[in-house]
Amino acid sequence: MKNIFVGNLSFGATEQSVRTLFEAHGTVDRVNIVTDRDSGQPRGFGFVEMSNDNEGNKAITALNGKELDGRALNVNEARPKAERSGGGGGGYGQKRW
């Protein structure tokens, strides 16, 4: 399974237009364009899953820098999502004067 990051998408790009672009290079299992949680508007990037690694690699090579809707795509293998730290201490244990 090859998970591919697709960046610099135009806000008008659809899952179908991205799928069509990648299907020229192999079988596409899933397309997900990431949207803002609050507004529902596209965030300008997404992910494509291809079950065949060779086809995925060929798609990355062929489509990185290719224009879609007037924008040069940034296409590469997706990296696993980094874990977020529990962060923020909220001031616990700090001296207050």
Protein backbone atom coordinates (compact mmCIF):
# COMPACT_ATOMS: atom_id res chain seq x y z
CA MET A 1 0.00 0.00 0.00
CA LYS A 2 1.44 3.35 -1.05
CA ASN A 3 0.10 6.44 0.73
CA ILE A 4 0.86 9.56 -1.32
CA PHE A 5 0.77 13.16 -0.15
CA VAL A 6 -0.55 15.66 -2.71
CA GLY A 7 0.14 19.29 -1.82
CA ASN A 8 -0.53 22.68 -3.41
CA LEU A 9 -3.97 21.64 -4.61
CA SER A 10 -6.23 24.42 -5.80
CA PHE A 11 -9.25 24.98 -3.58
CA GLY A 12 -11.40 23.96 -6.55
CA ALA A 13 -9.81 20.53 -6.89
CA THR A 14 -12.17 17.62 -6.30
CA GLU A 15 -11.54 14.04 -5.22
CA GLN A 16 -12.66 12.97 -8.70
CA SER A 17 -10.19 15.28 -10.50
CA VAL A 18 -7.31 14.01 -8.33
CA ARG A 19 -8.43 10.38 -8.82
CA THR A 20 -8.53 10.85 -12.61
CA LEU A 21 -5.01 12.29 -12.59
CA PHE A 22 -3.60 9.35 -10.59
CA GLU A 23 -5.57 6.62 -12.36
CA ALA A 24 -3.50 7.27 -15.48
CA HIS A 25 -0.64 5.64 -13.52
CA GLY A 26 -2.43 2.75 -11.81
CA THR A 27 -5.27 1.65 -9.58
CA VAL A 28 -6.39 4.21 -7.00
CA ASP A 29 -7.95 2.79 -3.84
CA ARG A 30 -8.86 6.01 -2.08
CA VAL A 31 -8.61 9.80 -2.42
CA ASN A 32 -9.03 12.15 0.52
CA ILE A 33 -8.88 15.94 0.18
CA VAL A 34 -8.36 17.42 3.64
CA THR A 35 -10.87 20.05 4.72
CA ASP A 36 -10.91 22.52 7.58
CA ARG A 37 -12.76 21.10 10.56
CA ASP A 38 -14.69 24.31 11.27
CA SER A 39 -15.42 25.80 7.85
CA GLY A 40 -15.44 22.65 5.71
CA GLN A 41 -13.28 24.44 3.13
CA PRO A 42 -10.44 22.52 1.42
CA ARG A 43 -7.01 23.08 3.01
CA GLY A 44 -5.04 22.69 -0.25
CA PHE A 45 -3.69 19.18 0.24
CA GLY A 46 -4.82 15.58 0.31
CA PHE A 47 -3.81 11.96 0.16
CA VAL A 48 -4.07 9.21 -2.45
CA GLU A 49 -3.80 5.51 -1.61
CA MET A 50 -2.61 3.08 -4.25
CA SER A 51 -2.36 -0.65 -3.46
CA ASN A 52 0.52 -1.31 -5.87
CA ASP A 53 3.79 0.26 -4.65
CA ASN A 54 5.33 0.29 -8.15
CA GLU A 55 2.35 2.15 -9.59
CA GLY A 56 2.46 4.55 -6.64
CA ASN A 57 6.15 5.29 -7.22
CA LYS A 58 5.54 5.87 -10.93
CA ALA A 59 2.67 8.25 -10.12
CA ILE A 60 4.86 10.21 -7.69
CA THR A 61 7.61 10.56 -10.28
CA ALA A 62 5.23 11.51 -13.09
CA LEU A 63 3.00 13.93 -11.16
CA ASN A 64 5.37 15.83 -8.87
CA GLY A 65 5.50 19.35 -10.33
CA LYS A 66 2.66 18.67 -12.81
CA GLU A 67 0.03 21.40 -13.01
CA LEU A 68 -3.57 20.87 -11.99
CA ASP A 69 -5.92 23.85 -12.16
CA GLY A 70 -2.93 26.15 -12.77
CA ARG A 71 -0.96 25.04 -9.70
CA ALA A 72 2.20 22.90 -9.66
CA LEU A 73 1.52 19.88 -7.45
CA ASN A 74 3.84 18.75 -4.68
CA VAL A 75 3.60 14.95 -4.76
CA ASN A 76 5.61 12.61 -2.54
CA GLU A 77 5.28 9.59 -0.31
CA ALA A 78 3.30 10.49 2.80
CA ARG A 79 5.19 10.29 6.07
CA PRO A 80 3.47 8.82 9.12
CA LYS A 81 1.69 11.44 11.22
CA ALA A 82 3.97 12.66 14.00
CA GLU A 83 2.73 12.09 17.51
CA ARG A 84 1.80 15.24 19.34
CA SER A 85 3.09 15.75 22.84
CA GLY A 86 0.64 16.18 25.68
CA GLY A 87 1.98 19.72 25.79
CA GLY A 88 0.83 22.85 27.51
CA GLY A 89 1.33 22.52 31.32
CA GLY A 90 -1.26 25.20 31.99
CA GLY A 91 0.80 26.78 34.77
CA TYR A 92 0.58 23.86 37.17
CA GLY A 93 3.34 23.96 39.75
CA GLN A 94 4.47 27.50 38.96
CA LYS A 95 4.98 29.90 41.82
CA ARG A 96 2.63 32.81 41.80
CA TRP A 97 3.63 35.94 43.67
